[in-house]
Amino acid sequence: MSSKSEVFAKGYSGKKIFLIFVIGSIFGALYEQILNLVKIYLRTGDVVWELRRGVIYGPFNPLYGLGTVLLVYLLVKPNYSNIKTFIFGGLLGGVIEYSVSFLQETFTHTTSWDYSHHFLNIGGRTTIPFLLAWGAFSLIFVKLIYPFLSKWIEKIPIKIGNIIFYILLIFLVIDMFISWTALIRSAMRRNNIEPITPVGRIYDKVYPDQVLSKHFPNMDFKIRKGSK
């Protein structure tokens, strides 16, 4: 087969799924920042552009990237009807939101959201209205957005696509590892646990809580009320 007939990241290849993860991460971070800007403006009248991301470096929120990838595997490939896509998408969004909140609180002793005072909340980690919103977004993504993104990605020249893929893969793996281990080390500091390795001592100098709070301004370093 000639190179002219080859297609970059065809079908549900790993490279396409990874790029979908990256796109979802970027748009998720942008969505959170816009939503936060609107909330603050409606409450105070001030225009505040505050970071809302899940890693220290770059405009990425891997939670949304993960959700986007799961949508592709669990909802796009089976090609469900609209109503099933809406229902399954809502449940999937709720499970991801609840699980990530629980894992974050368990391993880093921090919370990034608390819906305890919201209408029809589920353990303060998600709410029924949010599940409905996740369902609506899932339907739009599966039926409209993903087909467009899939075709757009496949139009990228193979050599350029491979370069982009490997650069982003290496960068994000390192970025996520540093970001999340820095948060785990932060939790250990707040429990008065001394560094076990030289890496921990480096983290204490490079990523103290003051630095992490700037990168994650929405992160509450206190356990939610009622949590152990």
Protein backbone atom coordinates (compact mmCIF):
# COMPACT_ATOMS: atom_id res chain seq x y z
CA MET A 1 0.00 0.00 0.00
CA SER A 2 1.40 3.38 -0.94
CA SER A 3 1.95 6.07 1.68
CA LYS A 4 -0.56 8.29 -0.10
CA SER A 5 -3.39 5.89 0.75
CA GLU A 6 -2.40 5.54 4.40
CA VAL A 7 -4.47 7.36 7.01
CA PHE A 8 -3.13 8.66 10.30
CA ALA A 9 -4.89 7.32 13.42
CA LYS A 10 -7.56 5.48 11.47
CA GLY A 11 -10.62 4.07 13.22
CA TYR A 12 -10.28 3.65 16.97
CA SER A 13 -6.50 3.42 17.01
CA GLY A 14 -4.53 4.24 20.14
CA LYS A 15 -3.13 7.41 18.60
CA LYS A 16 -6.59 8.77 17.82
CA ILE A 17 -7.88 7.89 21.29
CA PHE A 18 -4.90 9.63 22.88
CA LEU A 19 -5.44 12.78 20.80
CA ILE A 20 -9.11 12.69 21.77
CA PHE A 21 -7.92 12.54 25.39
CA VAL A 22 -5.73 15.62 24.84
CA ILE A 23 -8.50 17.57 23.12
CA GLY A 24 -10.96 16.66 25.88
CA SER A 25 -8.42 17.72 28.52
CA ILE A 26 -7.87 21.11 26.90
CA PHE A 27 -11.54 21.90 26.34
CA GLY A 28 -12.37 20.64 29.83
CA ALA A 29 -9.89 23.08 31.39
CA LEU A 30 -11.23 25.90 29.19
CA TYR A 31 -14.83 25.06 30.12
CA GLU A 32 -14.01 25.10 33.85
CA GLN A 33 -12.27 28.47 33.55
CA ILE A 34 -15.12 30.04 31.60
CA LEU A 35 -17.69 28.62 34.03
CA ASN A 36 -15.72 29.99 36.98
CA LEU A 37 -15.44 33.40 35.29
CA VAL A 38 -19.21 33.54 34.78
CA LYS A 39 -19.93 32.47 38.39
CA ILE A 40 -17.64 35.13 39.86
CA TYR A 41 -18.98 37.81 37.52
CA LEU A 42 -22.60 37.04 38.41
CA ARG A 43 -21.77 37.02 42.12
CA THR A 44 -19.43 40.02 42.38
CA GLY A 45 -19.36 41.77 39.02
CA ASP A 46 -15.60 41.14 38.75
CA VAL A 47 -13.92 39.55 35.73
CA VAL A 48 -11.55 36.89 37.05
CA TRP A 49 -9.69 34.45 34.79
CA GLU A 50 -8.50 31.76 37.17
CA LEU A 51 -6.73 28.53 36.26
CA ARG A 52 -8.86 25.41 36.38
CA ARG A 53 -6.70 22.48 35.38
CA GLY A 54 -5.60 19.10 36.68
CA VAL A 55 -1.84 19.34 36.15
CA ILE A 56 0.89 21.82 37.00
CA TYR A 57 2.08 22.48 33.46
CA GLY A 58 -0.15 23.22 30.49
CA PRO A 59 -3.87 23.82 29.92
CA PHE A 60 -4.98 20.26 30.61
CA ASN A 61 -7.66 18.74 32.81
CA PRO A 62 -7.14 14.95 32.51
CA LEU A 63 -10.47 14.26 34.22
CA TYR A 64 -12.29 15.56 31.16
CA GLY A 65 -9.84 13.74 28.89
CA LEU A 66 -10.60 10.48 30.66
CA GLY A 67 -14.32 11.11 30.42
CA THR A 68 -14.01 11.83 26.70
CA VAL A 69 -12.10 8.60 26.06
CA LEU A 70 -14.65 6.55 28.00
CA LEU A 71 -17.43 8.16 25.97
CA VAL A 72 -15.73 6.96 22.80
CA TYR A 73 -15.23 3.38 23.98
CA LEU A 74 -18.52 2.95 25.85
CA LEU A 75 -20.94 5.04 23.80
CA VAL A 76 -19.56 5.84 20.35
CA LYS A 77 -18.46 2.34 19.32
CA PRO A 78 -21.72 0.57 20.39
CA ASN A 79 -23.73 3.18 18.43
CA TYR A 80 -26.62 3.36 20.90
CA SER A 81 -29.88 5.17 20.29
CA ASN A 82 -30.20 8.78 21.42
CA ILE A 83 -32.10 7.95 24.60
CA LYS A 84 -29.64 5.22 25.62
CA THR A 85 -26.72 7.51 24.90
CA PHE A 86 -28.28 10.19 27.09
CA ILE A 87 -28.95 7.81 30.00
CA PHE A 88 -25.64 5.95 29.86
CA GLY A 89 -23.74 9.20 29.38
CA GLY A 90 -25.34 10.73 32.45
CA LEU A 91 -24.54 7.70 34.58
CA LEU A 92 -20.98 7.56 33.27
CA GLY A 93 -20.39 11.24 34.00
CA GLY A 94 -21.74 10.86 37.52
CA VAL A 95 -19.64 7.78 38.25
CA ILE A 96 -16.47 9.48 37.01
CA GLU A 97 -17.14 12.67 38.97
CA TYR A 98 -17.93 10.75 42.16
CA SER A 99 -14.97 8.38 41.81
CA VAL A 100 -12.40 11.08 41.07
CA SER A 101 -13.62 13.16 44.00
CA PHE A 102 -13.32 10.15 46.30
CA LEU A 103 -9.85 9.18 45.04
CA GLN A 104 -8.56 12.75 45.24
CA GLU A 105 -9.76 13.10 48.81
CA THR A 106 -8.39 9.69 49.77
CA PHE A 107 -4.90 10.03 48.32
CA THR A 108 -4.20 13.78 48.44
CA HIS A 109 -6.46 14.85 51.33
CA THR A 110 -7.83 17.65 49.16
CA THR A 111 -11.11 18.41 47.41
CA SER A 112 -11.72 20.38 44.22
CA TRP A 113 -15.50 20.52 44.55
CA ASP A 114 -18.10 19.98 47.25
CA TYR A 115 -21.79 19.83 46.31
CA SER A 116 -23.03 19.07 49.82
CA HIS A 117 -25.38 22.06 49.72
CA HIS A 118 -26.57 21.51 46.15
CA PHE A 119 -30.03 20.23 45.21
CA LEU A 120 -30.25 16.41 44.94
CA ASN A 121 -26.54 15.91 45.61
CA ILE A 122 -25.02 12.46 45.93
CA GLY A 123 -22.57 12.41 48.82
CA GLY A 124 -21.52 15.94 48.00
CA ARG A 125 -19.52 14.59 45.04
CA THR A 126 -22.07 14.96 42.22
CA THR A 127 -25.76 15.78 41.79
CA ILE A 128 -28.76 14.52 39.83
CA PRO A 129 -28.97 17.78 37.79
CA PHE A 130 -25.30 17.35 36.88
CA LEU A 131 -26.02 13.81 35.73
CA LEU A 132 -28.66 15.20 33.39
CA ALA A 133 -26.16 17.75 32.09
CA TRP A 134 -23.58 14.99 31.52
CA GLY A 135 -26.22 13.05 29.62
CA ALA A 136 -26.98 15.99 27.34
CA PHE A 137 -23.30 16.64 26.70
CA SER A 138 -22.69 12.95 25.98
CA LEU A 139 -25.44 12.92 23.39
CA ILE A 140 -24.03 15.99 21.65
CA PHE A 141 -20.47 14.65 21.77
CA VAL A 142 -21.29 11.16 20.51
CA LYS A 143 -23.61 12.19 17.69
CA LEU A 144 -22.02 15.46 16.52
CA ILE A 145 -18.63 16.32 17.97
CA TYR A 146 -16.80 12.99 17.79
CA PRO A 147 -17.53 12.29 14.10
CA PHE A 148 -16.11 15.73 13.24
CA LEU A 149 -13.01 15.27 15.44
CA SER A 150 -12.40 11.78 14.07
CA LYS A 151 -12.39 12.96 10.46
CA TRP A 152 -10.25 16.00 11.35
CA ILE A 153 -7.60 13.87 13.11
CA GLU A 154 -7.43 11.41 10.20
CA LYS A 155 -6.62 14.31 7.84
CA ILE A 156 -3.38 15.08 9.69
CA PRO A 157 -0.32 14.04 7.62
CA ILE A 158 1.18 10.83 9.03
CA LYS A 159 4.68 12.20 9.75
CA ILE A 160 3.33 15.34 11.44
CA GLY A 161 0.73 13.33 13.34
CA ASN A 162 3.34 10.94 14.71
CA ILE A 163 5.57 13.80 15.88
CA ILE A 164 2.63 15.50 17.62
CA PHE A 165 1.57 12.22 19.20
CA TYR A 166 4.94 11.33 20.71
CA ILE A 167 5.70 14.86 21.94
CA LEU A 168 2.32 15.15 23.67
CA LEU A 169 2.49 11.60 25.06
CA ILE A 170 5.91 12.10 26.68
CA PHE A 171 5.04 15.56 27.97
CA LEU A 172 1.71 14.58 29.50
CA VAL A 173 3.00 11.39 31.13
CA ILE A 174 5.75 13.39 32.86
CA ASP A 175 3.39 16.28 33.65
CA MET A 176 0.74 14.07 35.24
CA PHE A 177 3.30 12.06 37.20
CA ILE A 178 4.95 15.18 38.65
CA SER A 179 1.63 16.92 39.35
CA TRP A 180 -0.06 14.06 41.15
CA THR A 181 2.97 12.89 43.10
CA ALA A 182 3.52 16.50 44.19
CA LEU A 183 -0.05 16.54 45.55
CA ILE A 184 0.50 13.23 47.34
CA ARG A 185 3.70 14.64 48.87
CA SER A 186 1.71 17.72 49.92
CA ALA A 187 -0.74 15.48 51.79
CA MET A 188 2.18 13.77 53.52
CA ARG A 189 3.62 17.13 54.58
CA ARG A 190 0.34 18.16 56.14
CA ASN A 191 0.41 14.91 58.11
CA ASN A 192 3.95 15.77 59.29
CA ILE A 193 5.51 12.88 57.37
CA GLU A 194 9.15 13.53 56.52
CA PRO A 195 10.47 12.82 52.99
CA ILE A 196 11.50 9.20 52.56
CA THR A 197 13.68 9.78 49.48
CA PRO A 198 15.70 12.67 47.99
CA VAL A 199 12.83 13.14 45.52
CA GLY A 200 10.51 14.03 48.39
CA ARG A 201 12.96 16.68 49.61
CA ILE A 202 13.13 18.14 46.10
CA TYR A 203 9.34 18.25 45.96
CA ASP A 204 9.23 20.09 49.28
CA LYS A 205 11.48 22.79 47.84
CA VAL A 206 10.09 23.05 44.30
CA TYR A 207 6.40 22.33 44.97
CA PRO A 208 5.51 23.63 48.46
CA ASP A 209 1.82 24.18 49.24
CA GLN A 210 2.10 27.87 48.33
CA VAL A 211 3.15 26.91 44.79
CA LEU A 212 0.55 24.17 44.45
CA SER A 213 -2.23 26.50 45.58
CA LYS A 214 -1.36 28.83 42.68
CA HIS A 215 -1.51 26.00 40.16
CA PHE A 216 -4.66 24.52 41.71
CA PRO A 217 -6.57 27.54 43.11
CA ASN A 218 -9.85 25.59 43.27
CA MET A 219 -8.32 22.86 45.40
CA ASP A 220 -9.30 22.87 49.06
CA PHE A 221 -6.54 21.45 51.23
CA LYS A 222 -9.02 20.64 53.96
CA ILE A 223 -11.11 17.49 54.16
CA ARG A 224 -14.82 17.93 53.49
CA LYS A 225 -16.97 18.05 56.61
CA GLY A 226 -18.13 14.61 57.65
CA SER A 227 -15.18 12.84 55.99
CA LYS A 228 -12.81 10.77 58.04
